[in-house]
Structures are given as structure tokens and as C-alpha cells.
C-alpha atoms as a PDB file:
ATOM      1  CA  MET A   1      18.772 -16.940  38.768  1.00  0.00           C
ATOM      2  CA  TYR A   2      21.707 -14.973  36.858  1.00  0.00           C
ATOM      3  CA  TYR A   3      22.439 -11.619  36.824  1.00  0.00           C
ATOM      4  CA  PRO A   4      25.498 -10.453  34.732  1.00  0.00           C
ATOM      5  CA  GLY A   5      27.733  -7.728  35.840  1.00  0.00           C
ATOM      6  CA  VAL A   6      28.180  -4.605  33.466  1.00  0.00           C
ATOM      7  CA  LYS A   7      31.764  -5.051  34.342  1.00  0.00           C
ATOM      8  CA  ALA A   8      32.070  -8.725  35.737  1.00  0.00           C
ATOM      9  CA  LYS A   9      35.759  -9.719  36.848  1.00  0.00           C
ATOM     10  CA  GLN A  10      34.154 -12.452  39.076  1.00  0.00           C
ATOM     11  CA  VAL A  11      31.136 -14.493  39.533  1.00  0.00           C
ATOM     12  CA  ILE A  12      29.431 -14.913  43.068  1.00  0.00           C
ATOM     13  CA  ILE A  13      27.334 -17.813  43.485  1.00  0.00           C
ATOM     14  CA  TYR A  14      24.947 -17.085  46.324  1.00  0.00           C
ATOM     15  CA  LEU A  15      23.604 -20.443  48.780  1.00  0.00           C
ATOM     16  CA  SER A  16      20.858 -19.036  50.562  1.00  0.00           C
ATOM     17  CA  GLY A  17      20.199 -19.365  54.252  1.00  0.00           C
ATOM     18  CA  GLY A  18      16.996 -20.275  55.963  1.00  0.00           C
ATOM     19  CA  TRP A  19      15.941 -23.746  54.448  1.00  0.00           C
ATOM     20  CA  GLY A  20      17.804 -22.697  51.352  1.00  0.00           C
ATOM     21  CA  ARG A  21      14.473 -22.998  49.010  1.00  0.00           C
ATOM     22  CA  ILE A  22      14.154 -19.739  47.342  1.00  0.00           C
ATOM     23  CA  GLY A  23      11.471 -21.313  44.857  1.00  0.00           C
ATOM     24  CA  LEU A  24      12.254 -19.962  41.599  1.00  0.00           C
ATOM     25  CA  LYS A  25      11.118 -21.236  38.291  1.00  0.00           C
ATOM     26  CA  ALA A  26      11.565 -20.393  34.547  1.00  0.00           C
ATOM     27  CA  ASN A  27       8.791 -17.604  34.883  1.00  0.00           C
ATOM     28  CA  THR A  28      10.048 -15.900  37.955  1.00  0.00           C
ATOM     29  CA  GLY A  29      10.503 -12.184  37.709  1.00  0.00           C
ATOM     30  CA  ALA A  30      13.052 -10.377  39.184  1.00  0.00           C
ATOM     31  CA  MET A  31      14.425 -10.803  43.290  1.00  0.00           C
ATOM     32  CA  ILE A  32      12.879  -8.268  44.864  1.00  0.00           C
ATOM     33  CA  ASP A  33      13.496  -8.694  48.446  1.00  0.00           C
ATOM     34  CA  SER A  34      16.418  -6.369  50.145  1.00  0.00           C
ATOM     35  CA  PHE A  35      18.931  -8.855  50.716  1.00  0.00           C
ATOM     36  CA  SER A  36      18.551  -9.803  47.140  1.00  0.00           C
ATOM     37  CA  ARG A  37      18.231  -6.526  45.877  1.00  0.00           C
ATOM     38  CA  MET A  38      21.591  -6.040  47.720  1.00  0.00           C
ATOM     39  CA  LEU A  39      23.192  -8.365  46.230  1.00  0.00           C
ATOM     40  CA  ILE A  40      22.156  -7.753  42.733  1.00  0.00           C
ATOM     41  CA  GLY A  41      23.721  -4.402  43.481  1.00  0.00           C
ATOM     42  CA  LEU A  42      27.050  -5.738  42.771  1.00  0.00           C
ATOM     43  CA  THR A  43      26.569  -5.831  39.293  1.00  0.00           C
ATOM     44  CA  ASN A  44      25.569  -2.424  38.892  1.00  0.00           C
ATOM     45  CA  PRO A  45      28.318  -0.098  38.583  1.00  0.00           C
ATOM     46  CA  LYS A  46      25.915   3.063  39.983  1.00  0.00           C
ATOM     47  CA  LEU A  47      25.343   0.841  43.176  1.00  0.00           C
ATOM     48  CA  SER A  48      29.159  -0.681  43.410  1.00  0.00           C
ATOM     49  CA  SER A  49      32.010  -1.328  41.089  1.00  0.00           C
ATOM     50  CA  GLY A  50      29.766  -3.566  39.120  1.00  0.00           C
ATOM     51  CA  LYS A  51      32.430  -5.928  39.051  1.00  0.00           C
ATOM     52  CA  PHE A  52      30.437  -9.134  39.483  1.00  0.00           C
ATOM     53  CA  ASP A  53      27.946 -11.866  38.124  1.00  0.00           C
ATOM     54  CA  VAL A  54      25.730 -12.765  40.491  1.00  0.00           C
ATOM     55  CA  VAL A  55      23.922 -15.983  40.727  1.00  0.00           C
ATOM     56  CA  PHE A  56      20.919 -17.132  42.962  1.00  0.00           C
ATOM     57  CA  MET A  57      21.322 -20.769  43.350  1.00  0.00           C
ATOM     58  CA  ASP A  58      18.063 -22.252  44.473  1.00  0.00           C
ATOM     59  CA  SER A  59      17.211 -25.819  46.303  1.00  0.00           C
ATOM     60  CA  PRO A  60      14.385 -28.510  45.117  1.00  0.00           C
ATOM     61  CA  ASN A  61      14.284 -29.386  48.643  1.00  0.00           C
ATOM     62  CA  GLU A  62      14.639 -27.686  52.040  1.00  0.00           C
ATOM     63  CA  LEU A  63      17.767 -27.967  53.373  1.00  0.00           C
ATOM     64  CA  TYR A  64      17.544 -29.052  57.585  1.00  0.00           C
ATOM     65  CA  TRP A  65      20.803 -28.331  59.314  1.00  0.00           C
ATOM     66  CA  MET A  66      24.315 -29.761  58.790  1.00  0.00           C
ATOM     67  CA  THR A  67      22.340 -33.056  57.322  1.00  0.00           C
ATOM     68  CA  GLN A  68      21.002 -31.994  53.857  1.00  0.00           C
ATOM     69  CA  ARG A  69      23.757 -29.004  53.744  1.00  0.00           C
ATOM     70  CA  GLY A  70      26.175 -32.494  53.705  1.00  0.00           C
ATOM     71  CA  SER A  71      24.209 -34.216  51.821  1.00  0.00           C
ATOM     72  CA  ALA A  72      25.548 -35.739  48.165  1.00  0.00           C
ATOM     73  CA  ASP A  73      22.634 -34.462  46.355  1.00  0.00           C
ATOM     74  CA  HIS A  74      23.163 -31.021  47.758  1.00  0.00           C
ATOM     75  CA  LEU A  75      27.042 -31.081  47.162  1.00  0.00           C
ATOM     76  CA  SER A  76      26.635 -32.491  43.731  1.00  0.00           C
ATOM     77  CA  ARG A  77      24.393 -29.934  42.823  1.00  0.00           C
ATOM     78  CA  ILE A  78      26.628 -26.797  43.922  1.00  0.00           C
ATOM     79  CA  GLN A  79      29.419 -28.683  41.930  1.00  0.00           C
ATOM     80  CA  SER A  80      27.646 -28.667  38.737  1.00  0.00           C
ATOM     81  CA  VAL A  81      26.303 -24.878  39.365  1.00  0.00           C
ATOM     82  CA  VAL A  82      29.974 -24.145  39.717  1.00  0.00           C
ATOM     83  CA  GLN A  83      30.932 -25.606  36.596  1.00  0.00           C
ATOM     84  CA  TYR A  84      28.497 -24.247  34.724  1.00  0.00           C
ATOM     85  CA  TYR A  85      29.505 -20.597  35.195  1.00  0.00           C
ATOM     86  CA  LYS A  86      33.091 -21.266  34.910  1.00  0.00           C
ATOM     87  CA  ASN A  87      32.305 -22.475  31.399  1.00  0.00           C
ATOM     88  CA  ARG A  88      29.732 -20.161  30.801  1.00  0.00           C
ATOM     89  CA  THR A  89      31.616 -16.775  32.077  1.00  0.00           C
ATOM     90  CA  GLY A  90      35.637 -17.925  31.983  1.00  0.00           C
ATOM     91  CA  LEU A  91      35.504 -15.784  35.584  1.00  0.00           C
ATOM     92  CA  PRO A  92      36.713 -16.707  38.836  1.00  0.00           C
ATOM     93  CA  VAL A  93      34.095 -18.218  40.852  1.00  0.00           C
ATOM     94  CA  TRP A  94      33.420 -17.465  44.329  1.00  0.00           C
ATOM     95  CA  LEU A  95      30.978 -18.848  46.533  1.00  0.00           C
ATOM     96  CA  MET A  96      28.727 -17.040  49.103  1.00  0.00           C
ATOM     97  CA  GLY A  97      26.618 -18.641  52.018  1.00  0.00           C
ATOM     98  CA  HIS A  98      24.316 -16.502  54.459  1.00  0.00           C
ATOM     99  CA  SER A  99      23.625 -18.143  57.920  1.00  0.00           C
ATOM    100  CA  ASN A 100      22.698 -21.581  57.002  1.00  0.00           C
ATOM    101  CA  GLY A 101      24.026 -21.224  53.641  1.00  0.00           C
ATOM    102  CA  ALA A 102      27.440 -20.830  55.382  1.00  0.00           C
ATOM    103  CA  LEU A 103      26.900 -24.705  56.273  1.00  0.00           C
ATOM    104  CA  SER A 104      26.674 -25.751  52.657  1.00  0.00           C
ATOM    105  CA  LEU A 105      30.300 -23.830  52.150  1.00  0.00           C
ATOM    106  CA  ASN A 106      31.677 -25.939  55.019  1.00  0.00           C
ATOM    107  CA  ALA A 107      30.116 -29.117  53.790  1.00  0.00           C
ATOM    108  CA  TYR A 108      30.947 -28.188  49.999  1.00  0.00           C
ATOM    109  CA  ILE A 109      34.931 -27.345  50.928  1.00  0.00           C
ATOM    110  CA  GLN A 110      35.031 -30.498  52.760  1.00  0.00           C
ATOM    111  CA  TYR A 111      34.195 -32.366  49.800  1.00  0.00           C
ATOM    112  CA  LEU A 112      36.486 -30.757  47.556  1.00  0.00           C
ATOM    113  CA  GLN A 113      39.129 -31.324  50.083  1.00  0.00           C
ATOM    114  CA  GLU A 114      38.355 -35.113  49.981  1.00  0.00           C
ATOM    115  CA  PHE A 115      38.698 -35.475  46.524  1.00  0.00           C
ATOM    116  CA  SER A 116      41.870 -32.974  46.000  1.00  0.00           C
ATOM    117  CA  GLN A 117      39.590 -30.740  44.113  1.00  0.00           C
ATOM    118  CA  VAL A 118      39.766 -27.480  46.283  1.00  0.00           C
ATOM    119  CA  GLY A 119      40.994 -25.338  43.024  1.00  0.00           C
ATOM    120  CA  MET A 120      37.242 -25.818  41.729  1.00  0.00           C
ATOM    121  CA  VAL A 121      36.352 -22.520  43.338  1.00  0.00           C
ATOM    122  CA  ASP A 122      38.351 -19.410  43.655  1.00  0.00           C
ATOM    123  CA  GLY A 123      37.483 -17.963  47.098  1.00  0.00           C
ATOM    124  CA  LEU A 124      34.452 -18.129  49.856  1.00  0.00           C
ATOM    125  CA  ILE A 125      32.732 -14.866  51.071  1.00  0.00           C
ATOM    126  CA  ILE A 126      30.830 -16.216  54.373  1.00  0.00           C
ATOM    127  CA  SER A 127      28.128 -13.973  55.643  1.00  0.00           C
ATOM    128  CA  ALA A 128      26.239 -14.382  59.266  1.00  0.00           C
ATOM    129  CA  ALA A 129      27.834 -17.741  60.025  1.00  0.00           C
ATOM    130  CA  ARG A 130      26.312 -20.291  61.890  1.00  0.00           C
ATOM    131  CA  ASN A 131      28.009 -20.879  65.062  1.00  0.00           C
ATOM    132  CA  GLU A 132      29.114 -24.392  63.882  1.00  0.00           C
ATOM    133  CA  ILE A 133      30.718 -23.564  60.907  1.00  0.00           C
ATOM    134  CA  SER A 134      34.994 -24.581  61.105  1.00  0.00           C
ATOM    135  CA  PHE A 135      37.529 -25.492  58.490  1.00  0.00           C
ATOM    136  CA  SER A 136      40.202 -27.918  58.632  1.00  0.00           C
ATOM    137  CA  PRO A 137      43.689 -28.136  57.062  1.00  0.00           C
ATOM    138  CA  PRO A 138      45.359 -28.461  54.716  1.00  0.00           C
ATOM    139  CA  LEU A 139      43.450 -25.685  53.078  1.00  0.00           C
ATOM    140  CA  SER A 140      44.824 -22.591  50.893  1.00  0.00           C
ATOM    141  CA  MET A 141      41.696 -20.340  49.817  1.00  0.00           C
ATOM    142  CA  PRO A 142      40.697 -16.729  49.746  1.00  0.00           C
ATOM    143  CA  MET A 143      38.063 -15.830  52.350  1.00  0.00           C
ATOM    144  CA  LEU A 144      36.190 -12.560  53.360  1.00  0.00           C
ATOM    145  CA  PHE A 145      33.866 -13.282  56.657  1.00  0.00           C
ATOM    146  CA  LEU A 146      30.882 -10.790  56.748  1.00  0.00           C
ATOM    147  CA  HIS A 147      28.908 -10.376  60.415  1.00  0.00           C
ATOM    148  CA  HIS A 148      27.091  -7.575  61.727  1.00  0.00           C
ATOM    149  CA  GLU A 149      28.225  -6.770  65.219  1.00  0.00           C
ATOM    150  CA  GLU A 150      24.875  -6.687  66.529  1.00  0.00           C
ATOM    151  CA  ASP A 151      23.221  -9.869  64.680  1.00  0.00           C
ATOM    152  CA  GLY A 152      20.745 -10.863  67.349  1.00  0.00           C
ATOM    153  CA  CYS A 153      20.184 -14.383  66.328  1.00  0.00           C
ATOM    154  CA  VAL A 154      21.372 -17.102  68.870  1.00  0.00           C
ATOM    155  CA  ASN A 155      22.340 -19.631  65.973  1.00  0.00           C
ATOM    156  CA  THR A 156      24.753 -16.886  64.304  1.00  0.00           C
ATOM    157  CA  GLN A 157      26.691 -15.324  67.025  1.00  0.00           C
ATOM    158  CA  PRO A 158      29.334 -12.882  65.746  1.00  0.00           C
ATOM    159  CA  LYS A 159      31.974 -13.964  68.663  1.00  0.00           C
ATOM    160  CA  ASN A 160      31.415 -17.563  66.722  1.00  0.00           C
ATOM    161  CA  SER A 161      32.123 -16.902  63.120  1.00  0.00           C
ATOM    162  CA  TYR A 162      35.362 -14.490  64.761  1.00  0.00           C
ATOM    163  CA  ALA A 163      36.703 -17.434  66.367  1.00  0.00           C
ATOM    164  CA  ALA A 164      36.345 -19.515  63.025  1.00  0.00           C
ATOM    165  CA  TYR A 165      37.716 -16.786  61.542  1.00  0.00           C
ATOM    166  CA  GLU A 166      40.562 -16.951  63.816  1.00  0.00           C
ATOM    167  CA  ARG A 167      41.089 -20.561  63.478  1.00  0.00           C
ATOM    168  CA  LEU A 168      41.463 -20.482  59.960  1.00  0.00           C
ATOM    169  CA  VAL A 169      44.091 -17.775  59.744  1.00  0.00           C
ATOM    170  CA  GLN A 170      46.799 -20.207  62.058  1.00  0.00           C
ATOM    171  CA  PHE A 171      47.075 -22.301  58.691  1.00  0.00           C
ATOM    172  CA  ASP A 172      45.106 -21.203  55.574  1.00  0.00           C
ATOM    173  CA  LYS A 173      48.042 -18.310  54.458  1.00  0.00           C
ATOM    174  CA  ALA A 174      45.446 -17.140  51.598  1.00  0.00           C
ATOM    175  CA  ASN A 175      44.137 -13.512  51.866  1.00  0.00           C
ATOM    176  CA  ILE A 176      41.667 -13.931  54.943  1.00  0.00           C
ATOM    177  CA  LYS A 177      39.450 -11.132  55.872  1.00  0.00           C
ATOM    178  CA  TYR A 178      36.962 -10.301  58.618  1.00  0.00           C
ATOM    179  CA  VAL A 179      34.786  -7.266  58.295  1.00  0.00           C
ATOM    180  CA  ASN A 180      32.165  -6.050  61.256  1.00  0.00           C
ATOM    181  CA  ILE A 181      28.758  -4.444  59.562  1.00  0.00           C
ATOM    182  CA  GLU A 182      27.794  -1.681  62.064  1.00  0.00           C
ATOM    183  CA  THR A 183      25.355  -0.201  59.894  1.00  0.00           C
ATOM    184  CA  GLY A 184      21.824  -0.850  59.015  1.00  0.00           C
ATOM    185  CA  GLU A 185      18.206  -1.066  61.070  1.00  0.00           C
ATOM    186  CA  TYR A 186      16.479  -3.304  63.848  1.00  0.00           C
ATOM    187  CA  GLU A 187      13.265  -4.631  62.961  1.00  0.00           C
ATOM    188  CA  MET A 188      10.652  -5.983  65.169  1.00  0.00           C
ATOM    189  CA  ASN A 189      10.426  -9.420  63.522  1.00  0.00           C
ATOM    190  CA  ASP A 190      12.462 -12.686  64.103  1.00  0.00           C
ATOM    191  CA  PRO A 191      16.210 -11.836  64.521  1.00  0.00           C
ATOM    192  CA  CYS A 192      17.406 -14.772  62.473  1.00  0.00           C
ATOM    193  CA  THR A 193      15.199 -13.628  59.444  1.00  0.00           C
ATOM    194  CA  SER A 194      15.325  -9.849  59.532  1.00  0.00           C
ATOM    195  CA  GLY A 195      17.411  -6.562  60.899  1.00  0.00           C
ATOM    196  CA  TYR A 196      20.923  -6.486  61.499  1.00  0.00           C
ATOM    197  CA  HIS A 197      20.849 -10.633  60.770  1.00  0.00           C
ATOM    198  CA  MET A 198      20.021  -9.605  57.293  1.00  0.00           C
ATOM    199  CA  TYR A 199      21.922  -6.754  56.881  1.00  0.00           C
ATOM    200  CA  PHE A 200      18.813  -4.482  56.327  1.00  0.00           C
ATOM    201  CA  GLY A 201      19.719  -0.712  55.999  1.00  0.00           C
ATOM    202  CA  ALA A 202      23.558  -1.782  55.529  1.00  0.00           C
ATOM    203  CA  ASP A 203      23.549  -2.121  51.746  1.00  0.00           C
ATOM    204  CA  LYS A 204      26.495   0.249  50.939  1.00  0.00           C
ATOM    205  CA  GLU A 205      28.694  -1.049  53.945  1.00  0.00           C
ATOM    206  CA  VAL A 206      28.012  -4.152  53.092  1.00  0.00           C
ATOM    207  CA  THR A 207      28.786  -3.873  49.220  1.00  0.00           C
ATOM    208  CA  SER A 208      31.488  -1.649  49.853  1.00  0.00           C
ATOM    209  CA  ALA A 209      33.225  -4.183  52.151  1.00  0.00           C
ATOM    210  CA  ILE A 210      32.903  -6.668  49.198  1.00  0.00           C
ATOM    211  CA  ASP A 211      34.594  -4.402  46.769  1.00  0.00           C
ATOM    212  CA  GLN A 212      37.271  -3.362  48.719  1.00  0.00           C
ATOM    213  CA  TYR A 213      38.473  -6.710  49.540  1.00  0.00           C
ATOM    214  CA  PHE A 214      38.703  -7.375  45.781  1.00  0.00           C
ATOM    215  CA  ASP A 215      40.232  -4.235  45.182  1.00  0.00           C
ATOM    216  CA  ASN A 216      43.135  -5.207  47.492  1.00  0.00           C
ATOM    217  CA  PRO A 217      44.539  -8.559  46.680  1.00  0.00           C
ATOM    218  CA  GLN A 218      47.312  -8.780  49.548  1.00  0.00           C
ATOM    219  CA  LYS A 219      46.618 -10.909  52.525  1.00  0.00           C
ATOM    220  CA  HIS A 220      44.692  -8.520  55.388  1.00  0.00           C
END
């Protein structure tokens, strides 16, 4: 699903967490969950800079952990979506993965490295990343890490995503930044699908962090 920005300078293609299957259909209406509405806010200058197109990428199958997230089928789907929106918009394409979606980013970058095609994407937004995420050299790619400092999901501990960030900056000399999200609200539900993990109530802080990163192209 494609949401064009009013003053778009970049395209963000979002790869969802969970099992990766949103269930989009040709007649699907607007995305109404709070996390999706937060991302859609990046297209609206009344809610953010409005400098982004936002694309929600679906999967026809459920994606279980790294096995499916790194499958040839999934990676070729990401590749085709990236190429399509590069051609359609003529704008820089960034990938954003949240939680399990960060595993898709990790696998896709490994795929691009293997075939010397890292230039296919302009950068990554790695959000509430799974504990297993890890990048390897050689790599020179801008990345923004976002993670709520009180994320209670056992699979996405802030200390582990920060450790991945610290390893990355040792060899990736592009613009790499790590942002702790501090606002938001706790919810009495599964901590891996609600509350701090999903930035509930932290919309403004998250969109501001993304805007500020793109406003400052220098290495952080």
C-alpha cells in the first residue's frame, strides 16, 4: 500500500514485524492501527516534515524467524518492490524494518552484499530490532536505529540493538545514529505486540527522530 508524501524527498518501504503478513487486498481501506498511522504521518506536513512517501510491503505467507525472512522468495519480493518504487518515484529508497522486520533488512543486506548490489537501497531504519540482528563488513550504508528504552519484549532488548549499533560503527563509516525513544505508554497486553515496543503514544517523538536524522546528513 502506497501513501505519497506532500513534499516527498525519500521513499520509506516498511517491512512489518510479527509474522510479516498484513493481509492487504486490492480493496483494503486505509491502515488504521496506531503504528501504521504513525508512519503515515510522515507523509503529512501537519504531523511531520511530510518529506516521505511511505509504502507498506505485505507478504503472501507468514514469515517465521530467519528461515523465511531470509528465503529466496522473500528477498526477491523485497528486491522487486525496491526496484518498482525507485522507478516510480525517482526518489532515494529507504527500508524500514520493525522487530522481526529488522531480520528481513538484515537478510536483504546480506543478499545485496553477496551480489555486490548494496547500492539498490539508500539506507535503513532499524526499529526495535530483534536480538539476533548483526551486520558484517564491508558495508557503507546510512542507518538509523530506533528503540524504546523501556521495550519489554524479551526478543527485542534495547541493550542488544545498541550492541549491534556499536559493532556496526566500527566498520560502517556512513551516517549511523542510534535514538532512544523515551515517551509513550505501557499497555496491559503482550509486551512484544503493544505498548513501548510498538511506540504507543510516542508518535511525535518517533517521527521527529526520523525527520531530524534526514535533516542532518552528517555522520552522528
